[in-house]
Amino acid sequence: MKFSFKRYLIAFVLLATISFWSISQAAGLLVPKDLTMEANDSKRRKVPILVLFMSESCEYCEIVLKQFLLPMQRDPGYNDKVILRQIESNSGDALIDFDGKVTTYRRFSSRHKVWGTPHVMLFDSNGQVLTSIEGLLTVDFYYAFLVDAIEESLEKIKSGN
């Protein structure tokens, strides 16, 4: 009886851990490991890459993510307009930059002068910044700011600027 209880307990703990990991992974946007892959997708689809620079302790980042970007990600109307990604701006994890060189999320954020979070930047397929939104401006108008930034970036890409 004791052995059986231990097996069930271990199985429960493993299942709970896997479930928690799956839920936490699904709670955000994709985290890019290689921006050259995102750039290739952007070039092929002729859409900008929106990157949410966030930090772990940023309450406003969670608002931007959960109230605006995740619903946008679920909306099929945005599939042909934008690639949505998120970056932990303080992370020392490796990232392949648009130019194919290895850097870290922290250095990438610093290079793009991301000093506070949340910070949204839209990039073209060459890694050039098309537009950005710093901070969480008025929550009531933030969705409109995002839509305008995406539309402005799409126009720049389509016009070749």
N, C-alpha and C. Protein backbone atom coordinates (compact mmCIF):
# COMPACT_ATOMS: atom_id res chain seq x y z
N MET A 1 0.83 -1.19 0.00
CA MET A 1 0.00 0.00 0.00
C MET A 1 0.87 1.25 0.00
N LYS A 2 1.93 1.26 0.79
CA LYS A 2 2.83 2.40 0.85
C LYS A 2 3.50 2.63 -0.49
N PHE A 3 3.95 1.56 -1.14
CA PHE A 3 4.62 1.66 -2.42
C PHE A 3 3.67 2.24 -3.47
N SER A 4 2.45 1.78 -3.47
CA SER A 4 1.46 2.23 -4.43
C SER A 4 1.18 3.73 -4.23
N PHE A 5 1.10 4.16 -2.99
CA PHE A 5 0.85 5.57 -2.68
C PHE A 5 1.99 6.44 -3.21
N LYS A 6 3.23 5.98 -3.01
CA LYS A 6 4.39 6.74 -3.50
C LYS A 6 4.35 6.88 -5.02
N ARG A 7 4.02 5.79 -5.70
CA ARG A 7 3.95 5.84 -7.17
C ARG A 7 2.91 6.85 -7.63
N TYR A 8 1.76 6.83 -6.98
CA TYR A 8 0.71 7.78 -7.37
C TYR A 8 1.12 9.22 -7.04
N LEU A 9 1.78 9.39 -5.93
CA LEU A 9 2.23 10.72 -5.54
C LEU A 9 3.27 11.25 -6.55
N ILE A 10 4.21 10.42 -6.92
CA ILE A 10 5.23 10.81 -7.89
C ILE A 10 4.57 11.12 -9.24
N ALA A 11 3.65 10.28 -9.66
CA ALA A 11 2.96 10.51 -10.93
C ALA A 11 2.17 11.82 -10.88
N PHE A 12 1.52 12.08 -9.76
CA PHE A 12 0.75 13.32 -9.60
C PHE A 12 1.66 14.54 -9.68
N VAL A 13 2.79 14.50 -8.98
CA VAL A 13 3.73 15.61 -8.97
C VAL A 13 4.27 15.85 -10.39
N LEU A 14 4.63 14.80 -11.10
CA LEU A 14 5.13 14.93 -12.47
C LEU A 14 4.06 15.52 -13.39
N LEU A 15 2.84 15.01 -13.27
CA LEU A 15 1.75 15.51 -14.10
C LEU A 15 1.47 16.98 -13.80
N ALA A 16 1.46 17.34 -12.53
CA ALA A 16 1.22 18.73 -12.14
C ALA A 16 2.32 19.64 -12.66
N THR A 17 3.56 19.18 -12.59
CA THR A 17 4.69 19.97 -13.08
C THR A 17 4.61 20.17 -14.59
N ILE A 18 4.31 19.12 -15.32
CA ILE A 18 4.18 19.21 -16.77
C ILE A 18 3.02 20.12 -17.14
N SER A 19 1.90 19.98 -16.45
CA SER A 19 0.73 20.82 -16.73
C SER A 19 1.04 22.28 -16.45
N PHE A 20 1.69 22.57 -15.33
CA PHE A 20 2.05 23.95 -15.00
C PHE A 20 2.99 24.52 -16.04
N TRP A 21 3.99 23.74 -16.47
CA TRP A 21 4.93 24.20 -17.47
C TRP A 21 4.21 24.49 -18.78
N SER A 22 3.28 23.62 -19.18
CA SER A 22 2.54 23.82 -20.42
C SER A 22 1.68 25.08 -20.34
N ILE A 23 1.02 25.29 -19.21
CA ILE A 23 0.18 26.47 -19.05
C ILE A 23 1.03 27.72 -19.06
N SER A 24 2.17 27.72 -18.37
CA SER A 24 3.01 28.91 -18.33
C SER A 24 3.61 29.20 -19.70
N GLN A 25 3.90 28.17 -20.48
CA GLN A 25 4.43 28.38 -21.83
C GLN A 25 3.35 28.97 -22.73
N ALA A 26 2.10 28.57 -22.52
CA ALA A 26 1.01 29.04 -23.35
C ALA A 26 0.54 30.43 -22.94
N ALA A 27 1.05 30.96 -21.84
CA ALA A 27 0.57 32.23 -21.31
C ALA A 27 1.19 33.44 -21.98
N GLY A 28 2.08 33.23 -22.92
CA GLY A 28 2.73 34.37 -23.57
C GLY A 28 2.84 34.18 -25.06
N LEU A 29 3.51 35.14 -25.68
CA LEU A 29 3.81 35.05 -27.10
C LEU A 29 5.04 34.16 -27.28
N LEU A 30 5.32 33.77 -28.49
CA LEU A 30 6.53 33.01 -28.74
C LEU A 30 7.75 33.86 -28.45
N VAL A 31 8.77 33.21 -27.90
CA VAL A 31 10.04 33.88 -27.62
C VAL A 31 11.01 33.46 -28.71
N PRO A 32 11.49 34.43 -29.50
CA PRO A 32 12.39 34.06 -30.60
C PRO A 32 13.76 33.63 -30.08
N LYS A 33 14.31 32.62 -30.70
CA LYS A 33 15.68 32.19 -30.41
C LYS A 33 16.61 32.63 -31.54
N ASP A 34 16.04 32.78 -32.74
CA ASP A 34 16.81 33.11 -33.93
C ASP A 34 16.01 34.12 -34.75
N LEU A 35 16.39 35.38 -34.68
CA LEU A 35 15.65 36.42 -35.38
C LEU A 35 15.81 36.35 -36.90
N THR A 36 16.81 35.62 -37.38
CA THR A 36 16.92 35.46 -38.84
C THR A 36 15.75 34.63 -39.36
N MET A 37 15.26 33.70 -38.55
CA MET A 37 14.10 32.91 -38.95
C MET A 37 12.85 33.79 -38.99
N GLU A 38 12.71 34.66 -37.99
CA GLU A 38 11.57 35.59 -37.96
C GLU A 38 11.67 36.53 -39.17
N ALA A 39 12.89 36.98 -39.48
CA ALA A 39 13.09 37.88 -40.61
C ALA A 39 12.71 37.21 -41.93
N ASN A 40 13.08 35.95 -42.10
CA ASN A 40 12.71 35.22 -43.32
C ASN A 40 11.19 35.11 -43.46
N ASP A 41 10.53 34.83 -42.34
CA ASP A 41 9.07 34.74 -42.34
C ASP A 41 8.45 36.11 -42.65
N SER A 42 9.02 37.15 -42.07
CA SER A 42 8.55 38.52 -42.31
C SER A 42 8.70 38.89 -43.78
N LYS A 43 9.82 38.56 -44.36
CA LYS A 43 10.08 38.89 -45.77
C LYS A 43 9.12 38.13 -46.68
N ARG A 44 8.93 36.86 -46.39
CA ARG A 44 8.05 36.03 -47.21
C ARG A 44 6.60 36.52 -47.14
N ARG A 45 6.15 36.86 -45.93
CA ARG A 45 4.76 37.28 -45.73
C ARG A 45 4.54 38.78 -45.91
N LYS A 46 5.65 39.55 -45.99
CA LYS A 46 5.58 41.02 -46.13
C LYS A 46 4.82 41.66 -44.97
N VAL A 47 5.21 41.25 -43.75
CA VAL A 47 4.60 41.78 -42.53
C VAL A 47 5.70 42.15 -41.54
N PRO A 48 5.43 43.09 -40.64
CA PRO A 48 6.42 43.46 -39.63
C PRO A 48 6.48 42.42 -38.50
N ILE A 49 7.56 42.50 -37.75
CA ILE A 49 7.75 41.67 -36.55
C ILE A 49 7.56 42.58 -35.35
N LEU A 50 6.54 42.33 -34.56
CA LEU A 50 6.29 43.10 -33.35
C LEU A 50 6.96 42.36 -32.19
N VAL A 51 7.82 43.06 -31.47
CA VAL A 51 8.49 42.47 -30.30
C VAL A 51 8.07 43.24 -29.06
N LEU A 52 7.54 42.51 -28.10
CA LEU A 52 7.24 43.09 -26.80
C LEU A 52 8.45 42.84 -25.92
N PHE A 53 9.13 43.91 -25.53
CA PHE A 53 10.23 43.82 -24.58
C PHE A 53 9.58 43.93 -23.21
N MET A 54 9.80 42.93 -22.38
CA MET A 54 9.18 42.93 -21.06
C MET A 54 10.17 42.47 -20.00
N SER A 55 9.77 42.65 -18.75
CA SER A 55 10.58 42.15 -17.65
C SER A 55 9.66 41.39 -16.70
N GLU A 56 10.25 40.48 -15.99
CA GLU A 56 9.51 39.56 -15.13
C GLU A 56 8.64 40.27 -14.10
N SER A 57 9.13 41.34 -13.54
CA SER A 57 8.41 42.00 -12.45
C SER A 57 7.52 43.16 -12.92
N CYS A 58 7.30 43.27 -14.20
CA CYS A 58 6.57 44.40 -14.77
C CYS A 58 5.08 44.10 -14.88
N GLU A 59 4.29 44.74 -14.01
CA GLU A 59 2.83 44.56 -14.03
C GLU A 59 2.24 45.08 -15.33
N TYR A 60 2.76 46.19 -15.82
CA TYR A 60 2.23 46.79 -17.04
C TYR A 60 2.50 45.90 -18.26
N CYS A 61 3.60 45.16 -18.22
CA CYS A 61 3.91 44.23 -19.31
C CYS A 61 2.82 43.16 -19.40
N GLU A 62 2.40 42.68 -18.25
CA GLU A 62 1.34 41.66 -18.20
C GLU A 62 0.04 42.21 -18.76
N ILE A 63 -0.25 43.47 -18.49
CA ILE A 63 -1.46 44.09 -19.03
C ILE A 63 -1.38 44.15 -20.55
N VAL A 64 -0.25 44.64 -21.07
CA VAL A 64 -0.07 44.73 -22.53
C VAL A 64 -0.19 43.35 -23.15
N LEU A 65 0.44 42.37 -22.54
CA LEU A 65 0.43 41.02 -23.05
C LEU A 65 -0.97 40.41 -23.02
N LYS A 66 -1.59 40.41 -21.86
CA LYS A 66 -2.86 39.69 -21.68
C LYS A 66 -4.07 40.42 -22.25
N GLN A 67 -4.09 41.74 -22.15
CA GLN A 67 -5.27 42.47 -22.61
C GLN A 67 -5.21 42.84 -24.09
N PHE A 68 -4.00 42.90 -24.66
CA PHE A 68 -3.89 43.38 -26.02
C PHE A 68 -3.23 42.39 -26.98
N LEU A 69 -2.02 41.93 -26.66
CA LEU A 69 -1.27 41.13 -27.63
C LEU A 69 -1.75 39.68 -27.74
N LEU A 70 -2.09 39.05 -26.63
CA LEU A 70 -2.59 37.67 -26.73
C LEU A 70 -3.93 37.61 -27.47
N PRO A 71 -4.87 38.53 -27.19
CA PRO A 71 -6.10 38.53 -28.00
C PRO A 71 -5.81 38.79 -29.48
N MET A 72 -4.84 39.64 -29.76
CA MET A 72 -4.45 39.92 -31.14
C MET A 72 -3.90 38.65 -31.79
N GLN A 73 -3.11 37.90 -31.03
CA GLN A 73 -2.53 36.66 -31.53
C GLN A 73 -3.62 35.63 -31.87
N ARG A 74 -4.69 35.62 -31.08
CA ARG A 74 -5.79 34.67 -31.31
C ARG A 74 -6.72 35.11 -32.45
N ASP A 75 -6.64 36.37 -32.83
CA ASP A 75 -7.51 36.92 -33.88
C ASP A 75 -6.93 36.59 -35.25
N PRO A 76 -7.63 35.76 -36.05
CA PRO A 76 -7.10 35.38 -37.36
C PRO A 76 -6.87 36.58 -38.29
N GLY A 77 -7.52 37.69 -38.03
CA GLY A 77 -7.34 38.88 -38.85
C GLY A 77 -5.94 39.46 -38.79
N TYR A 78 -5.18 39.10 -37.76
CA TYR A 78 -3.82 39.62 -37.62
C TYR A 78 -2.76 38.69 -38.19
N ASN A 79 -3.16 37.49 -38.60
CA ASN A 79 -2.19 36.54 -39.18
C ASN A 79 -1.48 37.11 -40.40
N ASP A 80 -2.18 37.92 -41.19
CA ASP A 80 -1.60 38.49 -42.41
C ASP A 80 -1.08 39.90 -42.20
N LYS A 81 -0.99 40.33 -40.93
CA LYS A 81 -0.58 41.70 -40.65
C LYS A 81 0.69 41.83 -39.83
N VAL A 82 0.97 40.84 -38.98
CA VAL A 82 2.07 41.01 -38.03
C VAL A 82 2.52 39.67 -37.46
N ILE A 83 3.80 39.59 -37.11
CA ILE A 83 4.37 38.46 -36.37
C ILE A 83 4.56 38.97 -34.95
N LEU A 84 3.99 38.29 -33.97
CA LEU A 84 4.05 38.73 -32.58
C LEU A 84 5.04 37.88 -31.78
N ARG A 85 5.98 38.55 -31.09
CA ARG A 85 6.97 37.87 -30.28
C ARG A 85 7.20 38.65 -28.99
N GLN A 86 7.81 38.01 -28.00
CA GLN A 86 8.16 38.69 -26.76
C GLN A 86 9.57 38.34 -26.36
N ILE A 87 10.22 39.29 -25.68
CA ILE A 87 11.59 39.13 -25.23
C ILE A 87 11.68 39.58 -23.78
N GLU A 88 12.34 38.79 -22.96
CA GLU A 88 12.66 39.17 -21.59
C GLU A 88 13.91 40.05 -21.68
N SER A 89 13.73 41.35 -21.51
CA SER A 89 14.81 42.30 -21.81
C SER A 89 16.01 42.20 -20.87
N ASN A 90 15.86 41.57 -19.72
CA ASN A 90 16.98 41.45 -18.79
C ASN A 90 17.66 40.08 -18.85
N SER A 91 17.23 39.24 -19.76
CA SER A 91 17.74 37.88 -19.82
C SER A 91 19.12 37.81 -20.48
N GLY A 92 19.96 36.97 -19.92
CA GLY A 92 21.28 36.73 -20.49
C GLY A 92 21.29 35.54 -21.43
N ASP A 93 20.10 34.99 -21.74
CA ASP A 93 20.02 33.85 -22.65
C ASP A 93 20.45 34.26 -24.06
N ALA A 94 20.97 33.30 -24.79
CA ALA A 94 21.47 33.56 -26.14
C ALA A 94 20.34 33.83 -27.13
N LEU A 95 20.62 34.71 -28.06
CA LEU A 95 19.70 35.08 -29.13
C LEU A 95 20.52 35.30 -30.39
N ILE A 96 20.04 34.78 -31.50
CA ILE A 96 20.67 35.07 -32.78
C ILE A 96 19.97 36.30 -33.33
N ASP A 97 20.75 37.36 -33.52
CA ASP A 97 20.24 38.66 -33.96
C ASP A 97 19.87 38.61 -35.45
N PHE A 98 19.25 39.67 -35.93
CA PHE A 98 18.86 39.75 -37.34
C PHE A 98 20.03 39.56 -38.29
N ASP A 99 21.22 39.96 -37.85
CA ASP A 99 22.41 39.85 -38.70
C ASP A 99 23.08 38.47 -38.62
N GLY A 100 22.47 37.55 -37.84
CA GLY A 100 23.00 36.20 -37.72
C GLY A 100 24.04 36.02 -36.63
N LYS A 101 24.38 37.11 -35.93
CA LYS A 101 25.38 37.03 -34.86
C LYS A 101 24.71 36.69 -33.53
N VAL A 102 25.44 35.96 -32.71
CA VAL A 102 24.93 35.56 -31.41
C VAL A 102 25.07 36.72 -30.43
N THR A 103 24.01 36.99 -29.73
CA THR A 103 23.99 38.03 -28.69
C THR A 103 23.15 37.49 -27.54
N THR A 104 22.69 38.35 -26.67
CA THR A 104 21.76 37.96 -25.61
C THR A 104 20.54 38.87 -25.72
N TYR A 105 19.47 38.47 -25.06
CA TYR A 105 18.27 39.31 -25.04
C TYR A 105 18.60 40.67 -24.40
N ARG A 106 19.41 40.67 -23.36
CA ARG A 106 19.80 41.90 -22.67
C ARG A 106 20.56 42.85 -23.60
N ARG A 107 21.55 42.31 -24.33
CA ARG A 107 22.32 43.15 -25.25
C ARG A 107 21.47 43.64 -26.42
N PHE A 108 20.60 42.77 -26.90
CA PHE A 108 19.70 43.15 -28.00
C PHE A 108 18.80 44.30 -27.55
N SER A 109 18.25 44.20 -26.34
CA SER A 109 17.39 45.25 -25.79
C SER A 109 18.18 46.54 -25.61
N SER A 110 19.36 46.44 -25.08
CA SER A 110 20.21 47.62 -24.86
C SER A 110 20.57 48.29 -26.18
N ARG A 111 20.90 47.50 -27.18
CA ARG A 111 21.26 48.04 -28.50
C ARG A 111 20.12 48.84 -29.10
N HIS A 112 18.88 48.42 -28.76
CA HIS A 112 17.71 49.13 -29.28
C HIS A 112 17.17 50.16 -28.28
N LYS A 113 18.01 50.47 -27.28
CA LYS A 113 17.70 51.50 -26.28
C LYS A 113 16.39 51.26 -25.54
N VAL A 114 16.18 50.01 -25.18
CA VAL A 114 15.02 49.65 -24.37
C VAL A 114 15.47 49.75 -22.92
N TRP A 115 15.08 50.85 -22.29
CA TRP A 115 15.51 51.08 -20.90
C TRP A 115 14.38 50.79 -19.92
N GLY A 116 13.16 50.80 -20.39
CA GLY A 116 12.02 50.52 -19.53
C GLY A 116 11.08 49.55 -20.24
N THR A 117 10.22 48.95 -19.46
CA THR A 117 9.26 48.01 -20.02
C THR A 117 7.88 48.38 -19.52
N PRO A 118 6.84 48.07 -20.27
CA PRO A 118 6.84 47.41 -21.57
C PRO A 118 7.29 48.36 -22.67
N HIS A 119 7.87 47.78 -23.67
CA HIS A 119 8.31 48.55 -24.84
C HIS A 119 8.02 47.67 -26.05
N VAL A 120 7.24 48.18 -26.97
CA VAL A 120 6.88 47.45 -28.18
C VAL A 120 7.63 48.08 -29.34
N MET A 121 8.30 47.24 -30.12
CA MET A 121 8.97 47.70 -31.34
C MET A 121 8.53 46.84 -32.50
N LEU A 122 8.37 47.49 -33.64
CA LEU A 122 8.06 46.77 -34.86
C LEU A 122 9.26 46.87 -35.79
N PHE A 123 9.70 45.71 -36.29
CA PHE A 123 10.89 45.60 -37.13
C PHE A 123 10.49 45.13 -38.53
N ASP A 124 11.29 45.51 -39.51
CA ASP A 124 11.12 44.94 -40.84
C ASP A 124 12.00 43.69 -40.94
N SER A 125 12.02 43.07 -42.11
CA SER A 125 12.77 41.82 -42.27
C SER A 125 14.28 42.02 -42.24
N ASN A 126 14.75 43.27 -42.29
CA ASN A 126 16.18 43.55 -42.17
C ASN A 126 16.59 43.91 -40.75
N GLY A 127 15.63 43.91 -39.84
CA GLY A 127 15.93 44.25 -38.46
C GLY A 127 15.89 45.74 -38.17
N GLN A 128 15.39 46.53 -39.13
CA GLN A 128 15.27 47.98 -38.93
C GLN A 128 14.00 48.27 -38.16
N VAL A 129 14.10 49.18 -37.20
CA VAL A 129 12.92 49.56 -36.41
C VAL A 129 12.02 50.43 -37.27
N LEU A 130 10.77 50.03 -37.38
CA LEU A 130 9.78 50.77 -38.15
C LEU A 130 9.05 51.78 -37.27
N THR A 131 8.70 51.36 -36.08
CA THR A 131 8.03 52.24 -35.11
C THR A 131 8.08 51.57 -33.74
N SER A 132 7.80 52.34 -32.71
CA SER A 132 7.81 51.76 -31.36
C SER A 132 6.82 52.49 -30.45
N ILE A 133 6.46 51.80 -29.39
CA ILE A 133 5.59 52.35 -28.35
C ILE A 133 6.29 52.09 -27.03
N GLU A 134 6.65 53.15 -26.34
CA GLU A 134 7.32 53.02 -25.05
C GLU A 134 6.30 53.13 -23.92
N GLY A 135 6.36 52.18 -23.00
CA GLY A 135 5.49 52.21 -21.84
C GLY A 135 4.06 51.83 -22.16
N LEU A 136 3.26 51.82 -21.14
CA LEU A 136 1.82 51.59 -21.29
C LEU A 136 1.17 52.95 -21.17
N LEU A 137 0.86 53.50 -22.31
CA LEU A 137 0.24 54.81 -22.33
C LEU A 137 -1.17 54.66 -21.75
N THR A 138 -2.07 55.43 -22.14
CA THR A 138 -3.44 55.32 -21.64
C THR A 138 -4.01 53.96 -22.04
N VAL A 139 -4.44 53.17 -21.06
CA VAL A 139 -4.96 51.83 -21.32
C VAL A 139 -6.15 51.89 -22.27
N ASP A 140 -6.99 52.91 -22.11
CA ASP A 140 -8.19 53.04 -22.95
C ASP A 140 -7.86 53.17 -24.43
N PHE A 141 -6.69 53.73 -24.76
CA PHE A 141 -6.32 53.97 -26.15
C PHE A 141 -5.19 53.07 -26.64
N TYR A 142 -4.68 52.20 -25.78
CA TYR A 142 -3.50 51.42 -26.14
C TYR A 142 -3.73 50.52 -27.35
N TYR A 143 -4.88 49.90 -27.42
CA TYR A 143 -5.19 49.04 -28.56
C TYR A 143 -5.11 49.85 -29.86
N ALA A 144 -5.65 51.06 -29.85
CA ALA A 144 -5.59 51.92 -31.03
C ALA A 144 -4.14 52.27 -31.38
N PHE A 145 -3.31 52.50 -30.36
CA PHE A 145 -1.89 52.77 -30.60
C PHE A 145 -1.22 51.57 -31.28
N LEU A 146 -1.54 50.37 -30.80
CA LEU A 146 -0.97 49.15 -31.39
C LEU A 146 -1.42 48.98 -32.84
N VAL A 147 -2.71 49.14 -33.08
CA VAL A 147 -3.24 48.98 -34.43
C VAL A 147 -2.60 50.01 -35.37
N ASP A 148 -2.50 51.25 -34.92
CA ASP A 148 -1.86 52.30 -35.74
C ASP A 148 -0.40 51.96 -36.04
N ALA A 149 0.32 51.46 -35.03
CA ALA A 149 1.73 51.11 -35.22
C ALA A 149 1.88 49.96 -36.22
N ILE A 150 0.99 48.99 -36.15
CA ILE A 150 1.03 47.85 -37.08
C ILE A 150 0.71 48.33 -38.49
N GLU A 151 -0.33 49.13 -38.63
CA GLU A 151 -0.72 49.64 -39.95
C GLU A 151 0.38 50.52 -40.55
N GLU A 152 0.97 51.38 -39.73
CA GLU A 152 2.06 52.24 -40.19
C GLU A 152 3.24 51.40 -40.66
N SER A 153 3.56 50.36 -39.91
CA SER A 153 4.67 49.46 -40.27
C SER A 153 4.37 48.70 -41.55
N LEU A 154 3.14 48.22 -41.69
CA LEU A 154 2.74 47.53 -42.92
C LEU A 154 2.89 48.44 -44.14
N GLU A 155 2.46 49.69 -44.00
CA GLU A 155 2.58 50.65 -45.09
C GLU A 155 4.05 50.87 -45.47
N LYS A 156 4.92 50.99 -44.46
CA LYS A 156 6.34 51.19 -44.74
C LYS A 156 6.93 49.99 -45.49
N ILE A 157 6.53 48.80 -45.08
CA ILE A 157 7.04 47.59 -45.73
C ILE A 157 6.54 47.52 -47.18
N LYS A 158 5.27 47.76 -47.37
CA LYS A 158 4.68 47.66 -48.72
C LYS A 158 5.21 48.75 -49.66
N SER A 159 5.55 49.92 -49.10
CA SER A 159 6.08 51.01 -49.93
C SER A 159 7.59 50.91 -50.13
N GLY A 160 8.21 49.98 -49.41
CA GLY A 160 9.66 49.79 -49.53
C GLY A 160 10.49 50.74 -48.70
N ASN A 161 9.87 51.44 -47.75
CA ASN A 161 10.61 52.38 -46.88
C ASN A 161 11.02 51.71 -45.60
